[in-house]
Amino acid sequence: MYFAMDGIGFENTEKIEHEFADIPGFDTLAKIDPITKGYSVNMKYCVTKKDGTKYLLRIAPIAQYESNKALFDLQRQASNLGVPMCEPIDFGICNAGVYSLQSWINGEDLEYVLPTLSKAEQYKLGIKAGEILRKIHSIPVPSSHIEYWTAKPINEDWEVRFNRTLDNAIYEYKKSGLRFDGDDKVINYIKENRYLLKCRPISFGFDDFNVFNMMLSHGRLVIIDFERYNICDPWEEFGDIVWSVKFSPHFATGQICGYFCGEPPDEFFKLLALYSSEYLLAFWKLHPITTDFGQKVTLPLSQNILQWFDGMKNHVPTWYLKDWEIQ
């Protein structure tokens, strides 16, 4: 069997055959290319059959079998609802770990496409993104649901669980000894608005819903890298919108309006400010400003969030284009 494994090297052919040979259909493959672009919790490969058909192959550690099985089931439900995404095809165990085979999508990364489009086109794509997210959040959460990272049931109300998350974020931030201007305003906003968490619903969440995980394929918005999930307040998912704003406030505004089929309630923005505050503190821990990445990303993020929410005095972010209409 001949394999052209770009980036892997022919000397590793025997290893690849051993790791992947027990995946159904392996003998029909002609090429395996590792995917190194982006941030991923799994190993990813573009696999090509002898007839030229491409697929996305993901490999996760065997210890994450239950979590990835639940994820595969969630992906199938999302696909059945019409969510444009890599279609789930097969799932199982191989010598390399837990594998998931999905359809391959040809397209352009949305982060590069958005700046080339008109504001109206950006807004329309945002509307579509919001509609897609609403579909994902409509998938019922069964009583037997498990958390992705631990594969254990979640038996707490969202209010209890996220208040603990807030406590940990504040504690870890203060323990780090690193500071950003205006941190007291962020922490005070958290303390004064915890009450908003009471009686919030939960849903499945994509866990990284922003332009970095979207493509434009033949003029259609497609979701990619659906490789984990959250069980959370559906509005908490909008914490990731901070990355979309960087490329297009019109897209980010459209996403909100598409999700709510119009203007959102005021409570949404209050919670958005709360979730953005926690997101910032958590990000500060993961990527401290003592690192090059922290200087380039974390520090500007803290400055942006404070600016967007006017020093946490206005819960409607300045980038939100209220009543904006397509010209």
Protein backbone atom coordinates (compact mmCIF):
# COMPACT_ATOMS: atom_id res chain seq x y z
CA MET A 1 0.00 0.00 0.00
CA TYR A 2 1.36 3.42 -0.96
CA PHE A 3 0.89 6.51 1.19
CA ALA A 4 1.98 10.06 0.47
CA MET A 5 1.90 11.47 3.99
CA ASP A 6 2.87 15.11 3.68
CA GLY A 7 4.43 16.32 6.90
CA ILE A 8 4.52 12.84 8.43
CA GLY A 9 7.37 11.33 6.47
CA PHE A 10 7.59 7.98 4.79
CA GLU A 11 9.66 6.56 7.65
CA ASN A 12 6.54 6.74 9.81
CA THR A 13 4.32 4.80 7.41
CA GLU A 14 4.47 1.64 9.51
CA LYS A 15 3.47 3.58 12.63
CA ILE A 16 0.51 5.18 10.84
CA GLU A 17 -0.59 1.82 9.47
CA HIS A 18 -0.47 0.32 12.95
CA GLU A 19 -2.41 3.20 14.54
CA PHE A 20 -5.10 3.57 11.86
CA ALA A 21 -5.31 0.14 10.20
CA ASP A 22 -8.28 -1.01 12.28
CA ILE A 23 -10.41 1.98 11.18
CA PRO A 24 -13.04 0.66 8.73
CA GLY A 25 -12.12 1.61 5.17
CA PHE A 26 -8.46 2.25 5.95
CA ASP A 27 -7.40 0.10 3.00
CA THR A 28 -9.21 2.51 0.65
CA LEU A 29 -7.04 5.47 1.68
CA ALA A 30 -4.28 6.86 -0.50
CA LYS A 31 -3.04 9.80 1.54
CA ILE A 32 -2.96 11.05 5.13
CA ASP A 33 -1.99 14.64 5.89
CA PRO A 34 -1.73 16.00 9.45
CA ILE A 35 -3.52 19.29 10.14
CA THR A 36 -1.46 21.57 12.34
CA LYS A 37 -3.25 24.87 11.81
CA GLY A 38 -5.29 26.34 14.63
CA TYR A 39 -5.86 25.27 18.23
CA SER A 40 -7.30 21.81 18.77
CA VAL A 41 -7.81 19.38 21.62
CA ASN A 42 -7.45 16.46 19.17
CA MET A 43 -5.04 15.24 16.55
CA LYS A 44 -6.50 16.06 13.12
CA TYR A 45 -5.83 14.65 9.67
CA CYS A 46 -7.07 15.15 6.15
CA VAL A 47 -7.44 11.65 4.74
CA THR A 48 -7.94 11.07 1.02
CA LYS A 49 -9.41 7.95 -0.53
CA LYS A 50 -8.07 6.44 -3.72
CA ASP A 51 -11.01 7.96 -5.61
CA GLY A 52 -9.99 11.45 -4.41
CA THR A 53 -12.69 11.90 -1.76
CA LYS A 54 -11.43 13.72 1.33
CA TYR A 55 -12.47 13.29 4.95
CA LEU A 56 -11.58 14.83 8.31
CA LEU A 57 -10.20 12.34 10.81
CA ARG A 58 -9.95 13.24 14.48
CA ILE A 59 -8.08 11.22 17.09
CA ALA A 60 -8.65 11.69 20.83
CA PRO A 61 -7.13 9.82 23.80
CA ILE A 62 -8.88 6.55 24.67
CA ALA A 63 -9.63 7.96 28.14
CA GLN A 64 -12.02 10.42 26.46
CA TYR A 65 -14.16 7.73 24.83
CA GLU A 66 -17.40 8.53 26.68
CA SER A 67 -17.05 12.28 26.17
CA ASN A 68 -16.35 11.89 22.46
CA LYS A 69 -19.17 9.40 22.03
CA ALA A 70 -21.54 11.97 23.56
CA LEU A 71 -20.01 14.60 21.25
CA PHE A 72 -20.55 12.41 18.16
CA ASP A 73 -24.20 11.90 19.11
CA LEU A 74 -24.56 15.66 19.57
CA GLN A 75 -22.97 16.28 16.17
CA ARG A 76 -25.46 13.92 14.53
CA GLN A 77 -28.37 15.72 16.17
CA ALA A 78 -27.01 19.09 15.05
CA SER A 79 -26.54 17.78 11.50
CA ASN A 80 -30.10 16.43 11.46
CA LEU A 81 -31.33 19.91 12.38
CA GLY A 82 -29.64 21.32 9.29
CA VAL A 83 -26.60 22.86 10.97
CA PRO A 84 -24.04 23.36 8.15
CA MET A 85 -20.97 21.54 9.43
CA CYS A 86 -18.58 18.64 8.88
CA GLU A 87 -21.03 15.73 8.70
CA PRO A 88 -20.34 12.97 11.27
CA ILE A 89 -19.76 9.68 9.43
CA ASP A 90 -18.16 7.13 11.74
CA PHE A 91 -16.95 6.80 15.32
CA GLY A 92 -15.05 4.14 17.22
CA ILE A 93 -11.81 2.93 18.75
CA CYS A 94 -8.56 2.32 16.91
CA ASN A 95 -4.98 1.67 18.00
CA ALA A 96 -4.35 5.43 18.06
CA GLY A 97 -7.27 6.15 20.42
CA VAL A 98 -10.83 7.29 19.76
CA TYR A 99 -11.47 8.19 16.14
CA SER A 100 -14.17 10.31 14.55
CA LEU A 101 -14.54 10.47 10.78
CA GLN A 102 -16.31 13.47 9.26
CA SER A 103 -16.94 14.95 5.83
CA TRP A 104 -14.36 17.38 4.46
CA ILE A 105 -15.31 21.00 3.73
CA ASN A 106 -13.61 23.07 1.06
CA GLY A 107 -13.87 26.77 1.69
CA GLU A 108 -12.22 29.91 2.98
CA ASP A 109 -11.60 30.75 6.64
CA LEU A 110 -14.14 33.36 7.66
CA GLU A 111 -11.57 35.45 9.53
CA TYR A 112 -9.91 36.22 6.18
CA VAL A 113 -13.10 36.60 4.17
CA LEU A 114 -15.02 39.00 6.43
CA PRO A 115 -12.80 42.08 5.92
CA THR A 116 -13.25 41.76 2.14
CA LEU A 117 -17.05 41.88 2.32
CA SER A 118 -19.42 44.82 2.55
CA LYS A 119 -20.91 45.67 5.93
CA ALA A 120 -24.27 44.40 4.71
CA GLU A 121 -22.76 41.05 3.74
CA GLN A 122 -20.97 40.81 7.08
CA TYR A 123 -24.23 41.48 8.90
CA LYS A 124 -26.12 38.87 6.85
CA LEU A 125 -23.51 36.23 7.66
CA GLY A 126 -23.82 37.19 11.32
CA ILE A 127 -27.59 36.68 11.10
CA LYS A 128 -26.96 33.20 9.72
CA ALA A 129 -24.46 32.45 12.51
CA GLY A 130 -27.05 33.44 15.12
CA GLU A 131 -29.68 31.20 13.52
CA ILE A 132 -27.23 28.30 13.49
CA LEU A 133 -26.37 28.81 17.15
CA ARG A 134 -30.06 28.87 18.06
CA LYS A 135 -30.46 25.47 16.37
CA ILE A 136 -27.57 24.01 18.35
CA HIS A 137 -29.08 25.33 21.58
CA SER A 138 -32.44 23.75 20.72
CA ILE A 139 -31.04 20.21 21.10
CA PRO A 140 -32.55 18.72 24.27
CA VAL A 141 -30.20 18.04 27.17
CA PRO A 142 -31.02 14.53 28.44
CA SER A 143 -31.13 13.71 32.14
CA SER A 144 -28.11 11.43 31.60
CA HIS A 145 -25.95 14.22 30.16
CA ILE A 146 -22.25 14.28 31.01
CA GLU A 147 -19.71 17.09 31.11
CA TYR A 148 -17.23 16.87 28.23
CA TRP A 149 -13.94 17.18 30.10
CA THR A 150 -14.80 14.87 33.02
CA ALA A 151 -17.42 12.58 31.43
CA LYS A 152 -19.33 12.89 34.70
CA PRO A 153 -22.95 13.97 35.23
CA ILE A 154 -23.66 17.57 36.15
CA ASN A 155 -26.04 17.65 39.10
CA GLU A 156 -25.96 21.33 39.98
CA ASP A 157 -28.00 24.35 38.98
CA TRP A 158 -26.23 26.73 36.65
CA GLU A 159 -26.25 29.42 39.36
CA VAL A 160 -24.26 27.24 41.76
CA ARG A 161 -21.84 25.98 39.13
CA PHE A 162 -21.03 29.32 37.54
CA ASN A 163 -20.76 31.15 40.84
CA ARG A 164 -18.01 28.69 41.71
CA THR A 165 -16.41 29.45 38.33
CA LEU A 166 -16.53 33.16 39.14
CA ASP A 167 -14.99 32.59 42.58
CA ASN A 168 -12.16 30.56 41.06
CA ALA A 169 -11.53 33.14 38.33
CA ILE A 170 -11.24 36.00 40.84
CA TYR A 171 -9.11 33.94 43.22
CA GLU A 172 -6.68 32.81 40.52
CA TYR A 173 -6.42 36.32 39.09
CA LYS A 174 -5.55 37.85 42.45
CA LYS A 175 -3.15 35.02 43.25
CA SER A 176 -1.23 35.60 40.01
CA GLY A 177 -0.01 39.01 41.19
CA LEU A 178 -0.47 40.36 37.65
CA ARG A 179 -2.81 43.29 37.13
CA PHE A 180 -4.46 45.32 34.40
CA ASP A 181 -5.85 48.83 34.68
CA GLY A 182 -9.53 48.72 35.56
CA ASP A 183 -9.50 45.24 37.06
CA ASP A 184 -11.40 46.53 40.10
CA LYS A 185 -14.26 47.61 37.84
CA VAL A 186 -14.46 44.15 36.27
CA ILE A 187 -14.41 42.38 39.63
CA ASN A 188 -16.98 44.77 41.11
CA TYR A 189 -19.31 44.16 38.16
CA ILE A 190 -19.07 40.43 38.80
CA LYS A 191 -19.85 40.85 42.49
CA GLU A 192 -22.82 43.14 41.84
CA ASN A 193 -24.42 41.05 39.10
CA ARG A 194 -24.20 37.47 40.29
CA TYR A 195 -27.94 37.56 40.90
CA LEU A 196 -28.46 37.37 37.13
CA LEU A 197 -27.45 33.70 37.22
CA LYS A 198 -30.51 32.68 39.20
CA CYS A 199 -32.92 30.34 37.36
CA ARG A 200 -30.97 30.43 34.10
CA PRO A 201 -31.66 27.50 31.74
CA ILE A 202 -28.98 25.17 30.38
CA SER A 203 -28.30 23.85 26.90
CA PHE A 204 -25.60 22.19 24.88
CA GLY A 205 -23.07 24.71 23.66
CA PHE A 206 -20.50 24.68 20.85
CA ASP A 207 -17.86 25.95 23.33
CA ASP A 208 -15.94 28.14 20.88
CA PHE A 209 -18.48 29.82 18.64
CA ASN A 210 -16.67 32.58 16.76
CA VAL A 211 -15.22 33.40 13.34
CA PHE A 212 -12.12 31.27 13.96
CA ASN A 213 -14.32 28.18 13.72
CA MET A 214 -16.30 29.17 10.64
CA MET A 215 -15.73 28.99 6.91
CA LEU A 216 -17.41 30.30 3.80
CA SER A 217 -18.01 27.42 1.41
CA HIS A 218 -19.64 28.20 -1.94
CA GLY A 219 -21.21 31.29 -0.40
CA ARG A 220 -22.57 29.35 2.60
CA LEU A 221 -21.52 29.83 6.22
CA VAL A 222 -20.24 26.54 7.65
CA ILE A 223 -19.27 25.65 11.22
CA ILE A 224 -15.98 23.77 11.65
CA ASP A 225 -13.99 22.34 14.57
CA PHE A 226 -17.05 21.14 16.46
CA GLU A 227 -14.73 19.10 18.68
CA ARG A 228 -16.11 19.55 22.20
CA TYR A 229 -19.20 20.92 23.92
CA ASN A 230 -20.37 22.81 26.96
CA ILE A 231 -23.47 22.33 29.07
CA CYS A 232 -24.21 25.88 30.08
CA ASP A 233 -26.53 28.84 30.04
CA PRO A 234 -27.05 29.32 26.27
CA TRP A 235 -26.25 33.03 26.61
CA GLU A 236 -22.87 32.18 28.16
CA GLU A 237 -21.84 30.97 24.71
CA PHE A 238 -21.74 34.60 23.56
CA GLY A 239 -18.64 35.14 25.68
CA ASP A 240 -16.64 33.95 22.66
CA ILE A 241 -18.07 36.73 20.50
CA VAL A 242 -15.15 38.94 21.60
CA TRP A 243 -13.06 37.34 18.83
CA SER A 244 -15.67 37.95 16.15
CA VAL A 245 -15.92 41.63 17.10
CA LYS A 246 -12.25 42.03 16.21
CA PHE A 247 -13.03 41.21 12.58
CA SER A 248 -16.49 42.72 12.22
CA PRO A 249 -18.87 44.45 14.66
CA HIS A 250 -21.50 44.07 11.93
CA PHE A 251 -21.08 40.30 11.96
CA ALA A 252 -21.19 40.19 15.78
CA THR A 253 -24.31 42.40 15.83
CA GLY A 254 -25.93 40.20 13.20
CA GLN A 255 -25.19 37.08 15.23
CA ILE A 256 -27.07 38.49 18.22
CA CYS A 257 -30.02 39.68 16.14
CA GLY A 258 -30.15 36.41 14.22
CA TYR A 259 -30.17 34.44 17.45
CA PHE A 260 -32.99 36.48 18.97
CA CYS A 261 -34.88 37.11 15.70
CA GLY A 262 -34.49 40.83 16.40
CA GLU A 263 -33.35 42.97 19.30
CA PRO A 264 -32.35 40.98 22.41
CA PRO A 265 -33.76 41.68 25.88
CA ASP A 266 -31.79 44.02 28.12
CA GLU A 267 -31.03 41.14 30.50
CA PHE A 268 -29.00 39.52 27.73
CA PHE A 269 -26.52 42.39 27.64
CA LYS A 270 -26.21 42.42 31.43
CA LEU A 271 -25.29 38.75 31.33
CA LEU A 272 -23.02 39.29 28.35
CA ALA A 273 -21.04 41.80 30.42
CA LEU A 274 -20.89 39.30 33.28
CA TYR A 275 -19.75 36.42 31.09
CA SER A 276 -17.24 38.65 29.30
CA SER A 277 -15.79 39.63 32.67
CA GLU A 278 -15.30 36.03 33.71
CA TYR A 279 -13.92 35.17 30.27
CA LEU A 280 -11.32 37.89 30.64
CA LEU A 281 -10.15 36.77 34.10
CA ALA A 282 -9.97 33.14 32.98
CA PHE A 283 -8.04 34.12 29.87
CA TRP A 284 -5.67 36.15 32.02
CA LYS A 285 -4.77 32.95 33.87
CA LEU A 286 -4.41 30.79 30.75
CA HIS A 287 -2.35 33.34 28.84
CA PRO A 288 -0.63 35.69 31.33
CA ILE A 289 0.95 38.90 30.09
CA THR A 290 4.37 37.53 31.01
CA THR A 291 4.17 35.56 27.75
CA ASP A 292 4.45 36.92 24.23
CA PHE A 293 0.92 35.70 23.46
CA GLY A 294 -0.35 37.40 26.59
CA GLN A 295 1.15 40.71 25.55
CA LYS A 296 -0.34 40.46 22.07
CA VAL A 297 -3.77 39.05 22.98
CA THR A 298 -4.63 39.05 26.70
CA LEU A 299 -3.66 42.64 27.43
CA PRO A 300 -5.58 44.08 24.44
CA LEU A 301 -8.56 41.91 25.40
CA SER A 302 -8.72 43.49 28.86
CA GLN A 303 -8.49 46.96 27.34
CA ASN A 304 -11.18 46.16 24.76
CA ILE A 305 -13.68 44.76 27.26
CA LEU A 306 -13.32 47.77 29.53
CA GLN A 307 -13.73 50.10 26.57
CA TRP A 308 -16.69 48.22 25.09
CA PHE A 309 -18.58 48.33 28.39
CA ASP A 310 -17.49 51.87 29.27
CA GLY A 311 -15.54 50.86 32.35
CA MET A 312 -18.32 48.36 33.19
CA LYS A 313 -20.80 51.24 33.60
CA ASN A 314 -22.80 50.40 30.46
CA HIS A 315 -23.79 46.78 29.89
CA VAL A 316 -24.56 47.32 26.19
CA PRO A 317 -21.17 47.09 24.40
CA THR A 318 -20.19 49.98 22.19
CA TRP A 319 -19.61 47.66 19.23
CA TYR A 320 -23.27 46.60 19.19
CA LEU A 321 -24.95 48.46 16.32
CA LYS A 322 -28.47 48.91 17.62
CA ASP A 323 -31.11 49.47 14.93
CA TRP A 324 -28.54 49.05 12.19
CA GLU A 325 -30.26 48.35 8.91
CA ILE A 326 -28.93 46.89 5.69
CA GLN A 327 -28.54 49.75 3.26
